[in-house]
Amino acid sequence: MGTKLFADFGKYDDKLWDNEAKKDVYNAWDPNQPRSANNFNPFETWEGNSPDASGRYPGENFYKDPSRGDVNFQQMMVEREEAEARAASPKPGDVPGAPGRRT
């Protein structure tokens, strides 16, 4: 009898993992529920790395380098403003040690 490997992959696995996709995943994320491939904060970094489209970080089992879109300086400034707004108004339950967080 062989060993069966099972890995759950996120909504954007093997799809474009751009800011719009990350915002979609973030909007669905519930920090009070256990972290999974379909429930994670795509903007949470760990040891300086961002997660892939399934919430995995480089070096973890089943990590897949995501397909990223092109970005220009103007778009980066918009994304920075969005990041600052998220940081200023985190979701309820988004605290260190919450079930839906890596940290």
N, C-alpha and C. Protein backbone atom coordinates (compact mmCIF):
# COMPACT_ATOMS: atom_id res chain seq x y z
N MET A 1 0.85 -1.18 0.00
CA MET A 1 0.00 0.00 0.00
C MET A 1 0.90 1.24 0.00
N GLY A 2 0.70 2.16 -0.93
CA GLY A 2 1.52 3.36 -1.06
C GLY A 2 1.07 4.49 -0.15
N THR A 3 1.88 5.47 -0.08
CA THR A 3 1.57 6.65 0.69
C THR A 3 0.87 7.66 -0.21
N LYS A 4 -0.21 8.22 0.29
CA LYS A 4 -0.95 9.20 -0.47
C LYS A 4 -0.64 10.59 0.10
N LEU A 5 -0.19 11.47 -0.76
CA LEU A 5 0.06 12.85 -0.36
C LEU A 5 -1.13 13.70 -0.76
N PHE A 6 -1.53 14.56 0.14
CA PHE A 6 -2.64 15.45 -0.15
C PHE A 6 -2.24 16.85 0.26
N ALA A 7 -2.43 17.78 -0.62
CA ALA A 7 -2.18 19.19 -0.31
C ALA A 7 -3.36 20.00 -0.82
N ASP A 8 -3.81 20.90 0.00
CA ASP A 8 -4.90 21.79 -0.37
C ASP A 8 -4.29 23.04 -1.00
N PHE A 9 -4.82 23.47 -2.12
CA PHE A 9 -4.31 24.65 -2.79
C PHE A 9 -5.37 25.74 -2.85
N GLY A 10 -4.93 26.98 -2.89
CA GLY A 10 -5.82 28.12 -2.85
C GLY A 10 -6.53 28.42 -4.15
N LYS A 11 -7.45 29.35 -4.06
CA LYS A 11 -8.30 29.78 -5.18
C LYS A 11 -7.47 30.26 -6.38
N TYR A 12 -6.32 30.87 -6.14
CA TYR A 12 -5.50 31.43 -7.21
C TYR A 12 -4.28 30.58 -7.54
N ASP A 13 -4.27 29.34 -7.11
CA ASP A 13 -3.16 28.45 -7.44
C ASP A 13 -3.07 28.31 -8.96
N ASP A 14 -1.87 28.47 -9.50
CA ASP A 14 -1.61 28.39 -10.94
C ASP A 14 -2.33 29.48 -11.74
N LYS A 15 -2.72 30.56 -11.07
CA LYS A 15 -3.32 31.72 -11.73
C LYS A 15 -2.49 32.94 -11.39
N LEU A 16 -2.83 34.06 -12.02
CA LEU A 16 -2.12 35.30 -11.75
C LEU A 16 -2.31 35.71 -10.29
N TRP A 17 -1.20 35.90 -9.58
CA TRP A 17 -1.20 36.27 -8.17
C TRP A 17 -0.78 37.73 -8.06
N ASP A 18 -1.70 38.61 -8.45
CA ASP A 18 -1.43 40.04 -8.43
C ASP A 18 -2.15 40.69 -7.25
N ASN A 19 -2.09 42.00 -7.17
CA ASN A 19 -2.69 42.70 -6.03
C ASN A 19 -4.20 42.49 -5.96
N GLU A 20 -4.88 42.45 -7.11
CA GLU A 20 -6.33 42.22 -7.10
C GLU A 20 -6.67 40.84 -6.54
N ALA A 21 -5.90 39.84 -6.90
CA ALA A 21 -6.12 38.48 -6.37
C ALA A 21 -5.87 38.47 -4.86
N LYS A 22 -4.79 39.13 -4.44
CA LYS A 22 -4.49 39.18 -3.00
C LYS A 22 -5.58 39.89 -2.22
N LYS A 23 -6.12 40.97 -2.79
CA LYS A 23 -7.21 41.68 -2.10
C LYS A 23 -8.45 40.80 -1.99
N ASP A 24 -8.72 40.01 -3.02
CA ASP A 24 -9.86 39.08 -2.98
C ASP A 24 -9.68 38.06 -1.86
N VAL A 25 -8.49 37.49 -1.76
CA VAL A 25 -8.20 36.51 -0.69
C VAL A 25 -8.26 37.18 0.68
N TYR A 26 -7.70 38.39 0.77
CA TYR A 26 -7.72 39.13 2.04
C TYR A 26 -9.16 39.41 2.49
N ASN A 27 -10.01 39.83 1.55
CA ASN A 27 -11.40 40.13 1.89
C ASN A 27 -12.15 38.91 2.41
N ALA A 28 -11.79 37.73 1.94
CA ALA A 28 -12.43 36.49 2.39
C ALA A 28 -11.80 35.94 3.67
N TRP A 29 -10.61 36.42 4.03
CA TRP A 29 -9.86 35.90 5.17
C TRP A 29 -10.55 36.21 6.49
N ASP A 30 -10.66 35.21 7.35
CA ASP A 30 -11.20 35.37 8.70
C ASP A 30 -10.09 35.00 9.67
N PRO A 31 -9.47 36.00 10.33
CA PRO A 31 -8.36 35.70 11.24
C PRO A 31 -8.76 34.85 12.46
N ASN A 32 -10.07 34.74 12.70
CA ASN A 32 -10.54 33.96 13.84
C ASN A 32 -10.73 32.48 13.52
N GLN A 33 -10.61 32.13 12.24
CA GLN A 33 -10.72 30.74 11.80
C GLN A 33 -9.32 30.18 11.53
N PRO A 34 -9.14 28.87 11.63
CA PRO A 34 -7.81 28.28 11.39
C PRO A 34 -7.25 28.65 10.01
N ARG A 35 -5.95 28.88 9.99
CA ARG A 35 -5.25 29.22 8.75
C ARG A 35 -5.26 28.01 7.82
N SER A 36 -5.53 28.26 6.55
CA SER A 36 -5.56 27.19 5.55
C SER A 36 -5.22 27.78 4.19
N ALA A 37 -5.22 26.94 3.17
CA ALA A 37 -4.94 27.40 1.82
C ALA A 37 -6.00 28.37 1.31
N ASN A 38 -7.15 28.35 1.93
CA ASN A 38 -8.23 29.25 1.52
C ASN A 38 -8.59 30.27 2.59
N ASN A 39 -7.82 30.31 3.67
CA ASN A 39 -8.06 31.28 4.74
C ASN A 39 -6.71 31.74 5.29
N PHE A 40 -6.16 32.76 4.66
CA PHE A 40 -4.89 33.32 5.10
C PHE A 40 -4.80 34.77 4.65
N ASN A 41 -3.91 35.51 5.30
CA ASN A 41 -3.67 36.89 4.94
C ASN A 41 -2.55 36.93 3.90
N PRO A 42 -2.85 37.23 2.66
CA PRO A 42 -1.82 37.22 1.62
C PRO A 42 -0.79 38.34 1.76
N PHE A 43 -1.06 39.28 2.66
CA PHE A 43 -0.13 40.39 2.88
C PHE A 43 0.75 40.18 4.10
N GLU A 44 0.55 39.09 4.81
CA GLU A 44 1.36 38.78 6.00
C GLU A 44 2.72 38.22 5.56
N THR A 45 3.77 38.83 6.02
CA THR A 45 5.10 38.33 5.68
C THR A 45 5.65 37.49 6.84
N TRP A 46 6.55 36.59 6.50
CA TRP A 46 7.20 35.74 7.49
C TRP A 46 8.66 35.61 7.09
N GLU A 47 9.51 36.03 7.98
CA GLU A 47 10.96 36.05 7.72
C GLU A 47 11.28 36.77 6.41
N GLY A 48 10.56 37.87 6.15
CA GLY A 48 10.81 38.69 4.97
C GLY A 48 10.19 38.18 3.68
N ASN A 49 9.44 37.10 3.75
CA ASN A 49 8.84 36.50 2.54
C ASN A 49 7.32 36.67 2.54
N SER A 50 6.76 36.78 1.36
CA SER A 50 5.31 36.80 1.18
C SER A 50 4.84 35.39 0.83
N PRO A 51 3.61 35.06 1.17
CA PRO A 51 3.10 33.71 0.86
C PRO A 51 2.74 33.55 -0.62
N ASP A 52 2.68 32.29 -1.03
CA ASP A 52 2.20 32.01 -2.39
C ASP A 52 0.67 32.07 -2.39
N ALA A 53 0.06 31.68 -3.48
CA ALA A 53 -1.39 31.76 -3.64
C ALA A 53 -2.15 30.76 -2.77
N SER A 54 -1.44 29.92 -2.03
CA SER A 54 -2.07 28.97 -1.12
C SER A 54 -1.65 29.22 0.33
N GLY A 55 -0.99 30.35 0.57
CA GLY A 55 -0.61 30.72 1.93
C GLY A 55 0.67 30.08 2.43
N ARG A 56 1.42 29.45 1.54
CA ARG A 56 2.68 28.81 1.94
C ARG A 56 3.85 29.74 1.67
N TYR A 57 4.89 29.57 2.47
CA TYR A 57 6.08 30.41 2.35
C TYR A 57 7.23 29.60 1.77
N PRO A 58 8.20 30.29 1.14
CA PRO A 58 9.36 29.57 0.60
C PRO A 58 9.99 28.67 1.67
N GLY A 59 10.28 27.44 1.27
CA GLY A 59 10.86 26.46 2.18
C GLY A 59 9.83 25.52 2.79
N GLU A 60 8.55 25.88 2.73
CA GLU A 60 7.51 25.00 3.25
C GLU A 60 7.11 23.98 2.19
N ASN A 61 6.60 22.84 2.65
CA ASN A 61 6.13 21.81 1.73
C ASN A 61 5.05 22.38 0.81
N PHE A 62 5.11 22.01 -0.44
CA PHE A 62 4.13 22.37 -1.46
C PHE A 62 4.14 23.84 -1.85
N TYR A 63 5.16 24.62 -1.43
CA TYR A 63 5.27 26.01 -1.86
C TYR A 63 5.41 26.05 -3.38
N LYS A 64 4.71 26.99 -4.02
CA LYS A 64 4.80 27.16 -5.47
C LYS A 64 5.09 28.64 -5.74
N ASP A 65 6.12 28.90 -6.52
CA ASP A 65 6.43 30.27 -6.88
C ASP A 65 5.25 30.81 -7.70
N PRO A 66 4.57 31.85 -7.19
CA PRO A 66 3.37 32.33 -7.89
C PRO A 66 3.67 33.10 -9.17
N SER A 67 2.68 33.15 -10.03
CA SER A 67 2.76 33.94 -11.26
C SER A 67 2.37 35.37 -10.91
N ARG A 68 3.35 36.26 -10.99
CA ARG A 68 3.11 37.66 -10.61
C ARG A 68 2.96 38.53 -11.85
N GLY A 69 2.09 39.51 -11.74
CA GLY A 69 1.89 40.44 -12.84
C GLY A 69 2.94 41.53 -12.86
N ASP A 70 2.97 42.28 -13.94
CA ASP A 70 3.87 43.43 -14.04
C ASP A 70 3.39 44.55 -13.12
N VAL A 71 4.35 45.30 -12.57
CA VAL A 71 4.01 46.40 -11.67
C VAL A 71 4.85 47.61 -12.06
N ASN A 72 4.22 48.78 -12.05
CA ASN A 72 4.96 50.00 -12.31
C ASN A 72 4.97 50.85 -11.03
N PHE A 73 5.73 51.94 -11.05
CA PHE A 73 5.90 52.76 -9.85
C PHE A 73 4.58 53.33 -9.35
N GLN A 74 3.75 53.81 -10.25
CA GLN A 74 2.46 54.39 -9.87
C GLN A 74 1.60 53.33 -9.16
N GLN A 75 1.59 52.13 -9.70
CA GLN A 75 0.82 51.04 -9.10
C GLN A 75 1.38 50.69 -7.72
N MET A 76 2.70 50.71 -7.60
CA MET A 76 3.33 50.43 -6.30
C MET A 76 2.91 51.46 -5.26
N MET A 77 2.78 52.72 -5.65
CA MET A 77 2.35 53.76 -4.72
C MET A 77 0.90 53.55 -4.27
N VAL A 78 0.05 53.12 -5.19
CA VAL A 78 -1.34 52.82 -4.84
C VAL A 78 -1.37 51.64 -3.86
N GLU A 79 -0.60 50.59 -4.15
CA GLU A 79 -0.55 49.42 -3.27
C GLU A 79 0.00 49.79 -1.90
N ARG A 80 0.94 50.71 -1.85
CA ARG A 80 1.48 51.17 -0.57
C ARG A 80 0.40 51.85 0.26
N GLU A 81 -0.41 52.72 -0.38
CA GLU A 81 -1.51 53.39 0.31
C GLU A 81 -2.51 52.37 0.84
N GLU A 82 -2.81 51.36 0.04
CA GLU A 82 -3.73 50.30 0.47
C GLU A 82 -3.16 49.55 1.67
N ALA A 83 -1.87 49.26 1.65
CA ALA A 83 -1.21 48.55 2.76
C ALA A 83 -1.26 49.38 4.04
N GLU A 84 -1.04 50.67 3.90
CA GLU A 84 -1.10 51.55 5.07
C GLU A 84 -2.51 51.60 5.64
N ALA A 85 -3.51 51.61 4.78
CA ALA A 85 -4.91 51.60 5.23
C ALA A 85 -5.24 50.29 5.95
N ARG A 86 -4.76 49.16 5.41
CA ARG A 86 -4.99 47.86 6.08
C ARG A 86 -4.34 47.84 7.46
N ALA A 87 -3.10 48.35 7.54
CA ALA A 87 -2.37 48.36 8.81
C ALA A 87 -3.05 49.27 9.83
N ALA A 88 -3.64 50.38 9.37
CA ALA A 88 -4.31 51.32 10.27
C ALA A 88 -5.66 50.80 10.76
N SER A 89 -6.25 49.88 10.01
CA SER A 89 -7.58 49.36 10.36
C SER A 89 -7.62 47.84 10.15
N PRO A 90 -6.92 47.07 11.01
CA PRO A 90 -6.90 45.61 10.82
C PRO A 90 -8.28 44.98 11.05
N LYS A 91 -8.45 43.81 10.50
CA LYS A 91 -9.69 43.07 10.69
C LYS A 91 -9.84 42.68 12.16
N PRO A 92 -11.08 42.59 12.66
CA PRO A 92 -11.28 42.12 14.03
C PRO A 92 -10.67 40.73 14.22
N GLY A 93 -9.87 40.59 15.25
CA GLY A 93 -9.23 39.30 15.52
C GLY A 93 -7.85 39.16 14.90
N ASP A 94 -7.44 40.15 14.08
CA ASP A 94 -6.12 40.10 13.45
C ASP A 94 -5.06 40.55 14.46
N VAL A 95 -4.69 39.62 15.33
CA VAL A 95 -3.68 39.87 16.36
C VAL A 95 -2.67 38.73 16.34
N PRO A 96 -1.44 38.97 16.78
CA PRO A 96 -0.46 37.87 16.84
C PRO A 96 -1.02 36.67 17.60
N GLY A 97 -0.85 35.50 17.02
CA GLY A 97 -1.33 34.27 17.64
C GLY A 97 -2.75 33.88 17.25
N ALA A 98 -3.42 34.73 16.46
CA ALA A 98 -4.78 34.39 16.02
C ALA A 98 -4.73 33.13 15.16
N PRO A 99 -5.79 32.32 15.17
CA PRO A 99 -5.79 31.07 14.41
C PRO A 99 -5.52 31.23 12.92
N GLY A 100 -5.93 32.36 12.33
CA GLY A 100 -5.77 32.57 10.91
C GLY A 100 -4.47 33.24 10.50
N ARG A 101 -3.56 33.42 11.47
CA ARG A 101 -2.27 34.06 11.17
C ARG A 101 -1.15 33.07 11.21
N ARG A 102 -0.08 33.39 10.49
CA ARG A 102 1.14 32.56 10.52
C ARG A 102 1.93 32.85 11.79
N THR A 103 1.88 34.12 12.24
CA THR A 103 2.63 34.54 13.44
C THR A 103 1.71 34.81 14.59
